[in-house]
Amino acid sequence: MTGADLLLLALGAVAVGAGVLVVTTKHLVRAGLYLVVCLGALAGDYLVLGAELVAWVQVLIYVGAVVVLLLFAVMLTRAPIGASDDLDRPGWPAALIGGGAGLGLSVLLVDAYRWSTVTMPGAGTAERLGEQIFASWVLPFEVLSVLLLSALVGAVVLSRPDIGRRGDDAEAPARSMASGGRR
């Protein structure tokens, strides 16, 4: 085993460990921070494999944008910051299904490749990758941006109880404030 192989395995173990912590923690904000560690370890794996562009896109898009959006939505919706009892569910069914799926995929991959060597294609350029992505994947990127924007607007609407009230209900806080809090 080379040093690159050991580094790849170590970063993979960090990613799997952080992923387990994401789904087992009772603290929502900590789950978001563990997700940052998991996605950062995956970016490190991409760097070890020589895919620098994919690694930096991973850091910018997933770690930088999606996790910040997740934490921003948690703060906007006033979700509980500490441990939450409704996140306390038995974990053995999920562990059984996840472990079975992981074992099944491992057996399938070992059986399919039987430890054969695969020749790698020549190194691509950022220009070729950009042409491939934006030639056939522009519409899904735009749909995803609209979906994220609507989720953010929905979080703002849910976090503001005064939005969407009808006539008398909306004026009640203003009258209460004008009368010094007394009715």
Protein backbone atom coordinates (compact mmCIF):
# COMPACT_ATOMS: atom_id res chain seq x y z
CA MET A 1 0.00 0.00 0.00
CA THR A 2 1.20 3.43 -0.88
CA GLY A 3 0.86 6.60 1.14
CA ALA A 4 -1.93 7.77 -1.17
CA ASP A 5 -3.85 4.56 -0.47
CA LEU A 6 -3.50 5.03 3.28
CA LEU A 7 -4.59 8.67 3.04
CA LEU A 8 -7.58 7.65 0.91
CA LEU A 9 -8.61 5.03 3.48
CA ALA A 10 -8.14 7.45 6.39
CA LEU A 11 -10.24 10.16 4.72
CA GLY A 12 -12.86 7.55 3.84
CA ALA A 13 -13.01 6.45 7.47
CA VAL A 14 -13.43 10.07 8.59
CA ALA A 15 -16.24 10.54 6.04
CA VAL A 16 -18.05 7.37 7.15
CA GLY A 17 -17.60 8.23 10.84
CA ALA A 18 -18.92 11.76 10.35
CA GLY A 19 -21.81 10.39 8.28
CA VAL A 20 -22.75 8.05 11.11
CA LEU A 21 -22.62 10.98 13.53
CA VAL A 22 -24.89 13.01 11.21
CA VAL A 23 -27.67 10.45 11.40
CA THR A 24 -27.24 9.46 15.05
CA THR A 25 -26.92 12.80 16.83
CA LYS A 26 -29.90 14.37 18.58
CA HIS A 27 -28.59 17.93 18.04
CA LEU A 28 -29.70 19.39 14.72
CA VAL A 29 -26.94 22.00 14.49
CA ARG A 30 -24.27 19.43 15.35
CA ALA A 31 -25.65 17.21 12.59
CA GLY A 32 -25.07 20.09 10.16
CA LEU A 33 -21.52 20.54 11.40
CA TYR A 34 -20.81 16.81 11.15
CA LEU A 35 -22.09 17.04 7.58
CA VAL A 36 -19.42 19.69 6.93
CA VAL A 37 -16.74 17.26 8.18
CA CYS A 38 -18.14 14.42 6.06
CA LEU A 39 -18.27 16.51 2.87
CA GLY A 40 -14.82 17.94 3.59
CA ALA A 41 -13.37 14.44 3.90
CA LEU A 42 -14.95 13.54 0.56
CA ALA A 43 -13.30 16.61 -0.98
CA GLY A 44 -10.01 15.34 0.45
CA ASP A 45 -10.65 11.97 -1.19
CA TYR A 46 -11.16 13.73 -4.52
CA LEU A 47 -7.85 15.56 -4.06
CA VAL A 48 -6.02 12.31 -3.36
CA LEU A 49 -7.55 10.78 -6.49
CA GLY A 50 -6.32 13.72 -8.60
CA ALA A 51 -9.69 15.35 -9.30
CA GLU A 52 -8.83 18.84 -8.09
CA LEU A 53 -11.70 20.60 -9.85
CA VAL A 54 -14.29 18.21 -8.42
CA ALA A 55 -12.75 18.63 -4.95
CA TRP A 56 -13.02 22.42 -5.06
CA VAL A 57 -16.53 22.27 -6.46
CA GLN A 58 -17.38 19.93 -3.56
CA VAL A 59 -16.02 22.47 -1.09
CA LEU A 60 -17.66 25.50 -2.71
CA ILE A 61 -21.06 24.04 -3.52
CA TYR A 62 -21.74 21.46 -0.84
CA VAL A 63 -19.70 22.62 2.13
CA GLY A 64 -19.97 26.30 1.39
CA ALA A 65 -23.51 26.66 0.10
CA VAL A 66 -25.73 23.72 0.96
CA VAL A 67 -24.63 23.35 4.58
CA VAL A 68 -24.85 27.11 5.14
CA LEU A 69 -28.35 27.03 3.64
CA LEU A 70 -29.25 24.14 5.96
CA LEU A 71 -28.00 25.96 9.06
CA PHE A 72 -29.63 29.20 7.90
CA ALA A 73 -32.96 27.39 7.49
CA VAL A 74 -32.61 25.89 10.98
CA MET A 75 -32.07 29.35 12.42
CA LEU A 76 -34.92 30.88 10.41
CA THR A 77 -37.50 28.28 11.35
CA ARG A 78 -36.53 28.49 15.01
CA ALA A 79 -35.93 24.76 15.23
CA PRO A 80 -34.77 23.50 18.62
CA ILE A 81 -31.02 23.95 18.99
CA GLY A 82 -30.40 21.43 21.77
CA ALA A 83 -31.20 17.75 21.97
CA SER A 84 -34.62 16.93 20.61
CA ASP A 85 -36.72 14.06 21.95
CA ASP A 86 -38.57 13.60 18.67
CA LEU A 87 -35.25 12.68 17.04
CA ASP A 88 -34.86 9.79 19.48
CA ARG A 89 -35.98 6.76 17.53
CA PRO A 90 -34.63 3.22 17.62
CA GLY A 91 -31.63 3.04 15.35
CA TRP A 92 -31.37 -0.69 14.83
CA PRO A 93 -33.74 -0.89 11.80
CA ALA A 94 -31.79 1.79 9.95
CA ALA A 95 -28.46 0.21 10.94
CA LEU A 96 -29.67 -3.19 9.74
CA ILE A 97 -30.87 -1.81 6.39
CA GLY A 98 -27.77 0.36 5.90
CA GLY A 99 -25.39 -2.44 6.87
CA GLY A 100 -27.19 -4.91 4.61
CA ALA A 101 -27.12 -2.49 1.68
CA GLY A 102 -23.42 -1.76 2.25
CA LEU A 103 -22.55 -5.44 2.48
CA GLY A 104 -24.62 -6.23 -0.60
CA LEU A 105 -22.95 -3.48 -2.64
CA SER A 106 -19.50 -4.58 -1.48
CA VAL A 107 -20.15 -8.18 -2.53
CA LEU A 108 -21.55 -6.99 -5.86
CA LEU A 109 -18.51 -4.81 -6.60
CA VAL A 110 -15.98 -7.45 -5.57
CA ASP A 111 -17.79 -10.02 -7.70
CA ALA A 112 -18.01 -7.65 -10.68
CA TYR A 113 -14.37 -6.57 -10.74
CA ARG A 114 -12.60 -9.49 -9.04
CA TRP A 115 -9.68 -7.21 -8.13
CA SER A 116 -8.88 -6.47 -11.76
CA THR A 117 -6.95 -3.39 -12.74
CA VAL A 118 -8.66 -0.67 -14.72
CA THR A 119 -6.81 1.67 -17.04
CA MET A 120 -7.55 5.29 -16.34
CA PRO A 121 -8.42 7.64 -19.19
CA GLY A 122 -6.30 10.68 -19.87
CA ALA A 123 -6.63 13.67 -17.60
CA GLY A 124 -9.45 15.99 -18.50
CA THR A 125 -9.38 19.73 -18.47
CA ALA A 126 -11.70 22.15 -16.74
CA GLU A 127 -12.73 23.42 -20.16
CA ARG A 128 -13.85 19.95 -21.33
CA LEU A 129 -15.66 19.33 -18.05
CA GLY A 130 -17.41 22.70 -18.30
CA GLU A 131 -18.52 21.95 -21.85
CA GLN A 132 -19.95 18.60 -20.79
CA ILE A 133 -21.78 19.98 -17.76
CA PHE A 134 -23.23 23.10 -19.32
CA ALA A 135 -24.09 21.53 -22.67
CA SER A 136 -26.51 18.96 -21.28
CA TRP A 137 -26.99 19.78 -17.59
CA VAL A 138 -27.96 23.47 -17.59
CA LEU A 139 -31.68 22.84 -17.05
CA PRO A 140 -31.23 20.61 -13.95
CA PHE A 141 -28.90 23.22 -12.40
CA GLU A 142 -31.48 25.95 -12.96
CA VAL A 143 -34.32 23.81 -11.60
CA LEU A 144 -32.24 23.08 -8.50
CA SER A 145 -31.57 26.78 -7.96
CA VAL A 146 -35.31 27.54 -8.16
CA LEU A 147 -36.02 24.69 -5.73
CA LEU A 148 -33.47 26.02 -3.22
CA LEU A 149 -34.83 29.54 -3.56
CA SER A 150 -38.39 28.35 -2.92
CA ALA A 151 -37.21 26.39 0.12
CA LEU A 152 -35.55 29.54 1.49
CA VAL A 153 -38.69 31.62 0.91
CA GLY A 154 -40.75 28.89 2.60
CA ALA A 155 -38.42 28.97 5.60
CA VAL A 156 -38.81 32.74 5.88
CA VAL A 157 -42.61 32.45 5.70
CA LEU A 158 -42.65 29.73 8.36
CA SER A 159 -40.38 31.71 10.65
CA ARG A 160 -42.52 34.86 10.54
CA PRO A 161 -45.83 34.25 12.29
CA ASP A 162 -47.17 37.66 11.24
CA ILE A 163 -47.11 36.80 7.52
CA GLY A 164 -50.40 35.47 6.24
CA ARG A 165 -52.63 36.68 9.07
CA ARG A 166 -56.01 38.03 8.16
CA GLY A 167 -57.36 41.53 8.90
CA ASP A 168 -58.18 41.62 12.63
CA ASP A 169 -55.41 39.20 13.61
CA ALA A 170 -52.74 41.27 11.88
CA GLU A 171 -53.88 44.50 13.55
CA ALA A 172 -54.00 43.00 17.06
CA PRO A 173 -50.22 43.20 17.72
CA ALA A 174 -50.15 46.80 16.46
CA ARG A 175 -53.04 47.80 18.75
CA SER A 176 -51.39 45.99 21.65
CA MET A 177 -48.12 47.84 21.07
CA ALA A 178 -49.92 51.20 20.74
CA SER A 179 -51.72 50.72 24.06
CA GLY A 180 -48.54 49.81 25.87
CA GLY A 181 -49.27 46.07 25.92
CA ARG A 182 -52.61 46.47 27.78
CA ARG A 183 -56.06 45.82 26.36
